Amino acid sequence: MRSIVYLLILFIACGLLSCRQVVVNERIADIPAHEWQQNHAAVVDLDVAATAPYQLYFIFRHTEQYPYNNIVAKVTIKDTLNKVIAALTVNAPLASASGKWEGNAIDDLYDHFIKLNTIVPLRRGRYHFIITHQMKDDPLPFVLNAGIAIEKQK
């Protein structure tokens, strides 16, 4: 009986120690009238609680009528002094080779959470993320939201 209690305690301890909390801070900007103008940046502010390297994610939401199978966008990161600390280009596929939309779907809405191949060191403070699309259509139709998420790295 005693060994069963010890075994149970061991399993509970292992379960608690193996849990890792992943904190992702994200913000999205609404696109007016679901038509993204090239001269209308989607701007989001994110607060960074701790100085560390952060993994960036690009968030893109559109309807089923979105006319392309990809998105090309520019993401500029500015600190609280309005100094540019990074400028990134996103060129992400949104559909498979067969034409099926990737990402999460709810009815005819698609939500893409795209991991960028960039780790950015950020200090504690507020950052401005300015997102503009680089697609040939202006305005870019059927776009609901664009945004950024960050995840603290070890």
Protein backbone atom coordinates (compact mmCIF):
# COMPACT_ATOMS: atom_id res chain seq x y z
CA MET A 1 0.00 0.00 0.00
CA ARG A 2 2.82 2.36 0.89
CA SER A 3 4.51 1.80 -2.49
CA ILE A 4 1.26 2.70 -4.28
CA VAL A 5 1.10 6.00 -2.40
CA TYR A 6 4.74 6.78 -3.31
CA LEU A 7 4.08 5.84 -6.92
CA LEU A 8 1.01 8.08 -7.00
CA ILE A 9 3.00 10.99 -5.52
CA LEU A 10 5.75 10.41 -8.11
CA PHE A 11 3.24 10.52 -10.99
CA ILE A 12 1.64 13.70 -9.69
CA ALA A 13 5.05 15.36 -9.22
CA CYS A 14 6.14 14.36 -12.72
CA GLY A 15 2.91 15.70 -14.15
CA LEU A 16 3.28 19.03 -12.39
CA LEU A 17 6.94 19.42 -13.31
CA SER A 18 6.37 18.55 -16.96
CA CYS A 19 3.77 21.29 -17.46
CA ARG A 20 5.25 24.36 -19.11
CA GLN A 21 3.23 27.50 -19.36
CA VAL A 22 3.54 29.17 -22.76
CA VAL A 23 2.66 32.83 -22.67
CA VAL A 24 1.85 34.42 -26.00
CA ASN A 25 1.02 38.09 -26.09
CA GLU A 26 -1.01 39.02 -29.17
CA ARG A 27 -2.88 41.97 -30.61
CA ILE A 28 -4.80 42.41 -33.83
CA ALA A 29 -5.99 45.44 -35.75
CA ASP A 30 -9.29 45.55 -37.61
CA ILE A 31 -9.19 46.33 -41.32
CA PRO A 32 -11.84 48.96 -42.12
CA ALA A 33 -14.59 47.73 -44.47
CA HIS A 34 -12.53 44.51 -44.92
CA GLU A 35 -10.48 46.26 -47.62
CA TRP A 36 -6.85 46.77 -46.66
CA GLN A 37 -5.41 49.92 -48.21
CA GLN A 38 -1.65 49.91 -48.79
CA ASN A 39 -1.37 53.35 -47.22
CA HIS A 40 -3.38 52.27 -44.15
CA ALA A 41 -1.09 50.36 -41.81
CA ALA A 42 -2.44 47.94 -39.26
CA VAL A 43 -0.81 49.21 -36.06
CA VAL A 44 -0.71 47.25 -32.82
CA ASP A 45 1.00 48.00 -29.53
CA LEU A 46 2.37 45.21 -27.37
CA ASP A 47 3.76 45.51 -23.86
CA VAL A 48 6.86 43.43 -23.13
CA ALA A 49 7.15 42.49 -19.47
CA ALA A 50 10.71 41.15 -19.47
CA THR A 51 13.87 41.74 -21.47
CA ALA A 52 14.46 38.60 -23.54
CA PRO A 53 14.52 37.23 -27.07
CA TYR A 54 11.00 36.82 -28.50
CA GLN A 55 9.61 34.65 -31.28
CA LEU A 56 7.34 36.63 -33.60
CA TYR A 57 4.11 35.45 -35.22
CA PHE A 58 2.09 37.17 -37.93
CA ILE A 59 -1.69 36.92 -37.53
CA PHE A 60 -3.83 37.20 -40.64
CA ARG A 61 -7.61 36.74 -40.88
CA HIS A 62 -9.61 36.72 -44.10
CA THR A 63 -12.81 35.41 -45.66
CA GLU A 64 -13.14 32.55 -48.12
CA GLN A 65 -13.37 35.09 -50.96
CA TYR A 66 -9.78 36.31 -50.41
CA PRO A 67 -8.37 36.19 -53.97
CA TYR A 68 -4.81 34.99 -53.28
CA ASN A 69 -3.19 31.89 -51.79
CA ASN A 70 -0.54 33.94 -49.98
CA ILE A 71 0.11 37.21 -48.18
CA VAL A 72 3.11 39.49 -48.52
CA ALA A 73 3.45 42.09 -45.79
CA LYS A 74 6.02 44.31 -44.15
CA VAL A 75 6.30 44.43 -40.36
CA THR A 76 8.17 47.35 -38.80
CA ILE A 77 8.92 47.30 -35.08
CA LYS A 78 9.42 50.58 -33.24
CA ASP A 79 10.32 51.12 -29.61
CA THR A 80 8.85 53.74 -27.28
CA LEU A 81 11.29 56.36 -28.63
CA ASN A 82 9.86 55.70 -32.13
CA LYS A 83 13.17 54.18 -33.24
CA VAL A 84 12.94 51.35 -35.78
CA ILE A 85 14.50 48.24 -34.24
CA ALA A 86 13.54 45.77 -36.98
CA ALA A 87 11.84 45.64 -40.37
CA LEU A 88 10.71 42.25 -41.64
CA THR A 89 9.09 41.02 -44.82
CA VAL A 90 6.48 38.28 -44.52
CA ASN A 91 5.75 36.09 -47.55
CA ALA A 92 3.49 33.35 -46.27
CA PRO A 93 1.39 30.74 -48.07
CA LEU A 94 -2.22 30.61 -46.92
CA ALA A 95 -3.39 27.63 -48.95
CA SER A 96 -2.03 24.20 -49.82
CA ALA A 97 -0.92 23.26 -53.35
CA SER A 98 -4.40 21.82 -53.92
CA GLY A 99 -5.96 25.21 -53.12
CA LYS A 100 -7.40 24.26 -49.71
CA TRP A 101 -7.10 27.05 -47.15
CA GLU A 102 -4.74 26.36 -44.26
CA GLY A 103 -5.13 27.84 -40.79
CA ASN A 104 -8.15 27.60 -38.53
CA ALA A 105 -11.56 27.91 -40.12
CA ILE A 106 -14.85 29.07 -38.64
CA ASP A 107 -17.55 28.96 -41.29
CA ASP A 108 -16.05 31.02 -44.16
CA LEU A 109 -13.46 32.85 -42.00
CA TYR A 110 -9.81 31.76 -41.89
CA ASP A 111 -7.32 32.54 -39.16
CA HIS A 112 -3.60 32.12 -39.83
CA PHE A 113 -1.01 32.18 -37.04
CA ILE A 114 2.27 32.31 -38.98
CA LYS A 115 5.57 31.74 -37.21
CA LEU A 116 8.23 34.11 -38.52
CA ASN A 117 11.79 32.87 -38.87
CA THR A 118 13.07 35.69 -36.71
CA ILE A 119 13.83 35.91 -33.02
CA VAL A 120 13.94 39.55 -31.91
CA PRO A 121 15.56 40.71 -28.67
CA LEU A 122 13.15 43.07 -26.91
CA ARG A 123 13.62 45.06 -23.75
CA ARG A 124 10.91 45.69 -21.23
CA GLY A 125 8.49 48.34 -22.51
CA ARG A 126 5.87 49.06 -25.16
CA TYR A 127 6.51 48.34 -28.83
CA HIS A 128 4.65 49.51 -31.93
CA PHE A 129 4.22 47.00 -34.73
CA ILE A 130 3.32 48.62 -38.05
CA ILE A 131 2.02 46.16 -40.66
CA THR A 132 1.44 47.05 -44.31
CA HIS A 133 0.52 44.69 -47.10
CA GLN A 134 2.72 44.45 -50.19
CA MET A 135 0.23 42.75 -52.51
CA LYS A 136 -0.56 44.11 -55.99
CA ASP A 137 -4.24 44.83 -55.25
CA ASP A 138 -5.01 48.13 -53.57
CA PRO A 139 -7.20 47.80 -51.65
CA LEU A 140 -6.66 44.17 -50.75
CA PRO A 141 -10.19 42.75 -50.42
CA PHE A 142 -11.75 40.35 -47.90
CA VAL A 143 -9.16 40.96 -45.15
CA LEU A 144 -10.60 41.14 -41.63
CA ASN A 145 -7.58 41.56 -39.34
CA ALA A 146 -3.82 41.68 -39.22
CA GLY A 147 -1.73 41.46 -36.10
CA ILE A 148 1.32 40.26 -34.22
CA ALA A 149 1.98 37.79 -31.44
CA ILE A 150 5.17 37.41 -29.43
CA GLU A 151 6.39 34.49 -27.35
CA LYS A 152 9.24 34.79 -24.87
CA GLN A 153 12.13 32.42 -25.59
CA LYS A 154 14.46 30.88 -23.04
